[in-house]
Each structure stands twice: as C-alpha cells, then as structure tokens.
Amino acid sequence: MNNRKLTTVKIHIYPQKNNWHPACSVSIMGPDSVIQIGTEAIKMVLMISLPMLLVALVVGIAISLFQAVTQIQEMTLTFVPKIIAVFVAMIVAAPWMTERMVSFTKNLFSMIPTLTQ
C-alpha cells in the first residue's frame, strides 16, 4: 500500500561542548544566564514584598509595646491589626508593584531572542 520509508531523526539530548544543540538551530541557555534570571527574580520578589513586610514589622512592634505597657496579653490583638495594615499597604502599593512586575516581565520577554542566539 504505502511504499514510503520512514526516516528517523537523531536528536541529541545533551548539549555539545560549545553549548550548541545540533537538532535545532538555536543555542541552549547556559547556567550563567539561568542563575542571572533567577537572581533577578528573587530580587524582584523581595522588592515587591518589602512594603508589606515593613508595615507588618512596624505594626507588630507597636502592638508589642502597647501590650507591654498595658499588660494586655490578648492573642487576637496582634493578628487583626497586622492583617488590616498589610491589606492597606497592599492596596496603597499595588500600582507600584504592578508597574515593577510588568517591567520585569517585559524585560524578561525581550531577553528571549538574545538567549537563543
């Protein structure tokens, strides 16, 4: 019926020494670029979470001082104000956080052509 012969293509899974993949015409990202992108992502996460963490720290210290002065040892007194303060900080910092995340994502997408050369 079909007298066609199937041809197989050998694909090398492991990159060669010059970081070139013979099965496709693009180079493979090296460990240094992966580490750089990962480092930038961790820095971005820390920068974006910093406003909420600082607000929680300040509110926690203020509540601890209030509890020490008044000798009120109520457990819910520490959680509710922190949650409210962090939520307000998220609302206030949302435009800045969104702008930073969009900028990081655009930079990451613009790096894709340079990483595959």
Foldseek 3Di string as FASTA:
>chain_A
DDPDDDDDDDFDPDADPVQDGVVDGWGAFDPVVVVVLVVVVVVLVCVLCVQLVVQLVVLQVVQVVVCVVVVDDDPVSSVVVSVVRSVVSCVVCVVVSVVSVVVSVVVVVVCVVVRGD
